[in-house]
C-alpha atoms as a PDB file:
ATOM      1  CA  MET A   1      -3.548  12.342   6.161  1.00  0.00           C
ATOM      2  CA  THR A   2      -5.113  10.270   3.329  1.00  0.00           C
ATOM      3  CA  LEU A   3      -4.595  11.291  -0.109  1.00  0.00           C
ATOM      4  CA  ALA A   4      -7.239  10.934  -2.912  1.00  0.00           C
ATOM      5  CA  ALA A   5      -6.468   8.142  -5.410  1.00  0.00           C
ATOM      6  CA  PRO A   6      -5.605  10.517  -8.306  1.00  0.00           C
ATOM      7  CA  LEU A   7      -2.682  12.006  -6.205  1.00  0.00           C
ATOM      8  CA  LEU A   8      -1.484   8.538  -5.097  1.00  0.00           C
ATOM      9  CA  ALA A   9      -1.562   7.734  -8.961  1.00  0.00           C
ATOM     10  CA  CYS A  10       0.564  10.984  -9.455  1.00  0.00           C
ATOM     11  CA  MET A  11       3.047   9.561  -6.738  1.00  0.00           C
ATOM     12  CA  ALA A  12       3.266   6.221  -8.306  1.00  0.00           C
ATOM     13  CA  LEU A  13       3.995   7.854 -11.756  1.00  0.00           C
ATOM     14  CA  SER A  14       6.452  10.260 -10.242  1.00  0.00           C
ATOM     15  CA  ALA A  15       8.396   7.455  -8.557  1.00  0.00           C
ATOM     16  CA  SER A  16       8.323   5.485 -11.686  1.00  0.00           C
ATOM     17  CA  LEU A  17       9.825   8.413 -13.640  1.00  0.00           C
ATOM     18  CA  ASN A  18      12.418   9.354 -11.314  1.00  0.00           C
ATOM     19  CA  GLY A  19      13.707   5.918 -10.221  1.00  0.00           C
ATOM     20  CA  ILE A  20      12.236   6.315  -6.615  1.00  0.00           C
ATOM     21  CA  PRO A  21      11.054   3.427  -4.497  1.00  0.00           C
ATOM     22  CA  PRO A  22       7.053   3.766  -4.552  1.00  0.00           C
ATOM     23  CA  ARG A  23       6.730   4.198  -0.965  1.00  0.00           C
ATOM     24  CA  VAL A  24       9.118   7.098  -0.522  1.00  0.00           C
ATOM     25  CA  LEU A  25       6.766   9.860  -1.807  1.00  0.00           C
ATOM     26  CA  PRO A  26       3.730   8.813   0.293  1.00  0.00           C
ATOM     27  CA  ALA A  27       5.960   8.615   3.394  1.00  0.00           C
ATOM     28  CA  LEU A  28       7.535  12.172   2.570  1.00  0.00           C
ATOM     29  CA  HIS A  29       4.025  13.473   2.257  1.00  0.00           C
ATOM     30  CA  ALA A  30       2.935  12.000   5.550  1.00  0.00           C
ATOM     31  CA  VAL A  31       5.625  13.945   7.194  1.00  0.00           C
ATOM     32  CA  GLU A  32       5.188  17.105   5.166  1.00  0.00           C
ATOM     33  CA  GLY A  33       1.544  17.158   5.571  1.00  0.00           C
ATOM     34  CA  GLY A  34       0.899  19.390   2.661  1.00  0.00           C
ATOM     35  CA  GLN A  35      -2.279  19.718   0.770  1.00  0.00           C
ATOM     36  CA  ILE A  36      -3.563  21.505  -2.413  1.00  0.00           C
ATOM     37  CA  GLY A  37      -3.668  25.112  -1.802  1.00  0.00           C
ATOM     38  CA  SER A  38      -1.306  25.240   1.167  1.00  0.00           C
ATOM     39  CA  VAL A  39       1.561  27.676   1.644  1.00  0.00           C
ATOM     40  CA  HIS A  40       3.765  27.389   4.689  1.00  0.00           C
ATOM     41  CA  ARG A  41       6.167  30.220   5.524  1.00  0.00           C
ATOM     42  CA  ASN A  42       9.539  29.090   7.137  1.00  0.00           C
ATOM     43  CA  ALA A  43      11.530  31.010   9.671  1.00  0.00           C
ATOM     44  CA  ASN A  44      14.532  31.352   7.144  1.00  0.00           C
ATOM     45  CA  GLY A  45      12.209  33.340   4.656  1.00  0.00           C
ATOM     46  CA  THR A  46      11.348  30.692   2.228  1.00  0.00           C
ATOM     47  CA  SER A  47       8.122  29.074   1.644  1.00  0.00           C
ATOM     48  CA  ASP A  48       6.817  25.548   1.085  1.00  0.00           C
ATOM     49  CA  TYR A  49       4.015  25.047  -1.434  1.00  0.00           C
ATOM     50  CA  GLY A  50       1.406  22.395  -1.892  1.00  0.00           C
ATOM     51  CA  VAL A  51       1.029  18.724  -1.338  1.00  0.00           C
ATOM     52  CA  MET A  52       4.597  17.991  -0.980  1.00  0.00           C
ATOM     53  CA  GLN A  53       5.660  21.222   0.389  1.00  0.00           C
ATOM     54  CA  VAL A  54       8.187  22.050  -2.488  1.00  0.00           C
ATOM     55  CA  ASN A  55      10.509  24.895  -1.220  1.00  0.00           C
ATOM     56  CA  SER A  56      10.477  28.270  -2.863  1.00  0.00           C
ATOM     57  CA  ARG A  57      14.155  28.092  -3.323  1.00  0.00           C
ATOM     58  CA  TRP A  58      13.660  25.693  -6.140  1.00  0.00           C
ATOM     59  CA  LEU A  59      11.397  28.461  -8.212  1.00  0.00           C
ATOM     60  CA  PRO A  60      14.259  29.909 -10.134  1.00  0.00           C
ATOM     61  CA  THR A  61      15.600  26.652 -11.341  1.00  0.00           C
ATOM     62  CA  LEU A  62      12.087  25.267 -12.071  1.00  0.00           C
ATOM     63  CA  ALA A  63      11.078  28.470 -13.916  1.00  0.00           C
ATOM     64  CA  SER A  64      14.316  28.334 -16.002  1.00  0.00           C
ATOM     65  CA  SER A  65      13.826  24.415 -16.823  1.00  0.00           C
ATOM     66  CA  LEU A  66      10.094  24.693 -17.562  1.00  0.00           C
ATOM     67  CA  GLU A  67      10.615  28.076 -19.384  1.00  0.00           C
ATOM     68  CA  LEU A  68       7.729  29.496 -17.349  1.00  0.00           C
ATOM     69  CA  PRO A  69       7.636  32.737 -15.186  1.00  0.00           C
ATOM     70  CA  PRO A  70       8.332  32.094 -11.585  1.00  0.00           C
ATOM     71  CA  ASN A  71       4.916  32.970 -10.328  1.00  0.00           C
ATOM     72  CA  ASP A  72       3.348  30.810 -12.894  1.00  0.00           C
ATOM     73  CA  VAL A  73       5.303  27.881 -11.347  1.00  0.00           C
ATOM     74  CA  ARG A  74       4.561  29.037  -7.731  1.00  0.00           C
ATOM     75  CA  GLN A  75       0.911  28.994  -8.484  1.00  0.00           C
ATOM     76  CA  ARG A  76       0.914  25.612 -10.207  1.00  0.00           C
ATOM     77  CA  LEU A  77       2.944  24.254  -7.228  1.00  0.00           C
ATOM     78  CA  ILE A  78       0.235  25.429  -5.023  1.00  0.00           C
ATOM     79  CA  ALA A  79      -2.899  24.675  -6.855  1.00  0.00           C
ATOM     80  CA  ASP A  80      -2.175  21.670  -8.858  1.00  0.00           C
ATOM     81  CA  GLY A  81      -1.490  18.639  -6.719  1.00  0.00           C
ATOM     82  CA  CYS A  82      -0.081  16.217  -9.516  1.00  0.00           C
ATOM     83  CA  PHE A  83       2.296  19.018 -10.787  1.00  0.00           C
ATOM     84  CA  ASN A  84       3.585  19.529  -7.170  1.00  0.00           C
ATOM     85  CA  ILE A  85       3.948  15.704  -6.664  1.00  0.00           C
ATOM     86  CA  LEU A  86       5.728  15.334 -10.114  1.00  0.00           C
ATOM     87  CA  ILE A  87       8.135  18.264  -9.291  1.00  0.00           C
ATOM     88  CA  ALA A  88       8.742  16.713  -5.872  1.00  0.00           C
ATOM     89  CA  GLY A  89       9.732  13.550  -7.520  1.00  0.00           C
ATOM     90  CA  VAL A  90      12.251  15.348  -9.812  1.00  0.00           C
ATOM     91  CA  ILE A  91      13.656  17.000  -6.655  1.00  0.00           C
ATOM     92  CA  PHE A  92      14.060  13.859  -4.735  1.00  0.00           C
ATOM     93  CA  GLY A  93      15.518  12.298  -7.848  1.00  0.00           C
ATOM     94  CA  ILE A  94      18.315  15.038  -7.781  1.00  0.00           C
ATOM     95  CA  TYR A  95      18.904  14.369  -4.157  1.00  0.00           C
ATOM     96  CA  LEU A  96      19.232  10.595  -4.737  1.00  0.00           C
ATOM     97  CA  ASP A  97      21.731  11.352  -7.647  1.00  0.00           C
ATOM     98  CA  GLU A  98      23.680  13.604  -5.343  1.00  0.00           C
ATOM     99  CA  GLU A  99      23.831  11.034  -2.665  1.00  0.00           C
ATOM    100  CA  ASN A 100      25.014   8.342  -5.059  1.00  0.00           C
ATOM    101  CA  GLY A 101      21.771   6.198  -4.509  1.00  0.00           C
ATOM    102  CA  ASP A 102      21.860   6.485  -0.790  1.00  0.00           C
ATOM    103  CA  LEU A 103      18.176   6.554  -0.136  1.00  0.00           C
ATOM    104  CA  ALA A 104      18.404   7.450   3.703  1.00  0.00           C
ATOM    105  CA  ARG A 105      20.566  10.683   2.829  1.00  0.00           C
ATOM    106  CA  ALA A 106      18.398  11.622  -0.013  1.00  0.00           C
ATOM    107  CA  ILE A 107      15.309  11.398   2.170  1.00  0.00           C
ATOM    108  CA  GLY A 108      17.004  13.672   4.647  1.00  0.00           C
ATOM    109  CA  ASP A 109      18.204  16.142   2.056  1.00  0.00           C
ATOM    110  CA  TYR A 110      14.430  16.587   1.069  1.00  0.00           C
ATOM    111  CA  ASN A 111      14.202  18.503   4.372  1.00  0.00           C
ATOM    112  CA  SER A 112      17.766  19.724   4.942  1.00  0.00           C
ATOM    113  CA  HIS A 113      21.431  19.076   4.082  1.00  0.00           C
ATOM    114  CA  THR A 114      22.304  20.029   7.858  1.00  0.00           C
ATOM    115  CA  ALA A 115      23.402  16.830   9.446  1.00  0.00           C
ATOM    116  CA  TRP A 116      21.236  16.964  12.467  1.00  0.00           C
ATOM    117  CA  PHE A 117      18.100  18.006  10.708  1.00  0.00           C
ATOM    118  CA  ASN A 118      18.721  15.405   7.923  1.00  0.00           C
ATOM    119  CA  ALA A 119      19.093  12.624  10.331  1.00  0.00           C
ATOM    120  CA  SER A 120      16.097  13.689  12.308  1.00  0.00           C
ATOM    121  CA  TYR A 121      13.863  13.912   9.176  1.00  0.00           C
ATOM    122  CA  GLN A 122      15.243  10.438   7.991  1.00  0.00           C
ATOM    123  CA  LEU A 123      13.651   9.039  11.200  1.00  0.00           C
ATOM    124  CA  LYS A 124      10.422  10.617  10.892  1.00  0.00           C
ATOM    125  CA  VAL A 125      10.020   9.447   7.291  1.00  0.00           C
ATOM    126  CA  GLY A 126      11.077   6.021   8.408  1.00  0.00           C
ATOM    127  CA  ILE A 127       8.401   6.110  10.948  1.00  0.00           C
ATOM    128  CA  ALA A 128       5.804   7.254   8.578  1.00  0.00           C
ATOM    129  CA  ALA A 129       6.871   4.632   6.195  1.00  0.00           C
ATOM    130  CA  LEU A 130       6.402   1.706   8.757  1.00  0.00           C
ATOM    131  CA  ARG A 131       3.119   3.159   9.951  1.00  0.00           C
ATOM    132  CA  GLN A 132       1.713   3.269   6.435  1.00  0.00           C
ATOM    133  CA  THR A 133       3.169  -0.271   5.820  1.00  0.00           C
ATOM    134  CA  LEU A 134       1.502  -1.652   8.961  1.00  0.00           C
ATOM    135  CA  ALA A 135      -1.807   0.225   8.229  1.00  0.00           C
ATOM    136  CA  ALA A 136      -1.908  -1.427   4.589  1.00  0.00           C
ATOM    137  CA  THR A 137      -1.091  -4.877   6.032  1.00  0.00           C
ATOM    138  CA  THR A 138      -3.730  -4.697   8.835  1.00  0.00           C
ATOM    139  CA  LYS A 139      -6.304  -3.459   6.284  1.00  0.00           C
ATOM    140  CA  ALA A 140      -5.320  -6.343   3.759  1.00  0.00           C
ATOM    141  CA  VAL A 141      -5.428  -8.991   6.524  1.00  0.00           C
ATOM    142  CA  ALA A 142      -8.700  -7.681   8.089  1.00  0.00           C
ATOM    143  CA  GLY A 143     -10.198  -7.857   4.577  1.00  0.00           C
ATOM    144  CA  ARG A 144      -9.449 -11.582   4.116  1.00  0.00           C
ATOM    145  CA  GLN A 145     -12.448 -13.874   4.284  1.00  0.00           C
ATOM    146  CA  PRO A 146     -11.847 -17.194   5.986  1.00  0.00           C
ATOM    147  CA  SER A 147     -12.037 -20.124   3.533  1.00  0.00           C
ATOM    148  CA  PRO A 148     -15.014 -22.223   4.380  1.00  0.00           C
ATOM    149  CA  ASP A 149     -13.733 -25.283   2.636  1.00  0.00           C
ATOM    150  CA  ARG A 150     -10.376 -25.056   4.902  1.00  0.00           C
ATOM    151  CA  GLY A 151     -11.985 -24.454   8.269  1.00  0.00           C
ATOM    152  CA  GLY A 152     -12.036 -20.950   8.290  1.00  0.00           C
ATOM    153  CA  THR A 153      -9.594 -20.316  11.233  1.00  0.00           C
ATOM    154  CA  THR A 154      -6.186 -21.825  12.014  1.00  0.00           C
ATOM    155  CA  ILE A 155      -7.853 -23.811  14.898  1.00  0.00           C
ATOM    156  CA  GLY A 156     -10.597 -25.097  12.296  1.00  0.00           C
ATOM    157  CA  ARG A 157      -7.983 -25.964   9.814  1.00  0.00           C
ATOM    158  CA  ILE A 158      -6.048 -27.905  12.480  1.00  0.00           C
ATOM    159  CA  GLU A 159      -9.061 -29.717  13.807  1.00  0.00           C
ATOM    160  CA  ASN A 160     -10.187 -30.734  10.226  1.00  0.00           C
ATOM    161  CA  MET A 161      -6.714 -32.054   9.146  1.00  0.00           C
ATOM    162  CA  PRO A 162      -6.837 -35.798   8.032  1.00  0.00           C
ATOM    163  CA  SER A 163      -5.278 -38.044  10.500  1.00  0.00           C
ATOM    164  CA  MET A 164      -1.764 -39.077  10.041  1.00  0.00           C
ATOM    165  CA  GLU A 165      -2.553 -42.682  11.219  1.00  0.00           C
END
């Protein structure tokens, strides 16, 4: 799922503010698959809200920290994509601190602290990050124009090399 530029900018800001490598939040989003307005009800009775699927178990803590009623926080998590992303960054930063900087464990914690689910989620996010990196690299390479003064292709550059004689 492709995100609009303003939401990507929010991810970059959130990553910067929370000491998170810049590719982590987009990879988490690729796995979470949330969008503005989305609410996902979980089997355990909790709900996941918005772009980054922030879990409802965070509502009391967030409401207290933000000095807002829990329902106001819930509505903003659902309807305000940038707010949701900024909160997800704070939550991920907490997990990163809990795991003493272990990025892989913190990634797994975003989904579950249960070992099997944690490891499975780490793998999913790792694959998503790899796919995003490959897509960006492919796009960058495809967008490059051959240099006419250098032969345009590797073969052209080799054929046009000056003789070593």
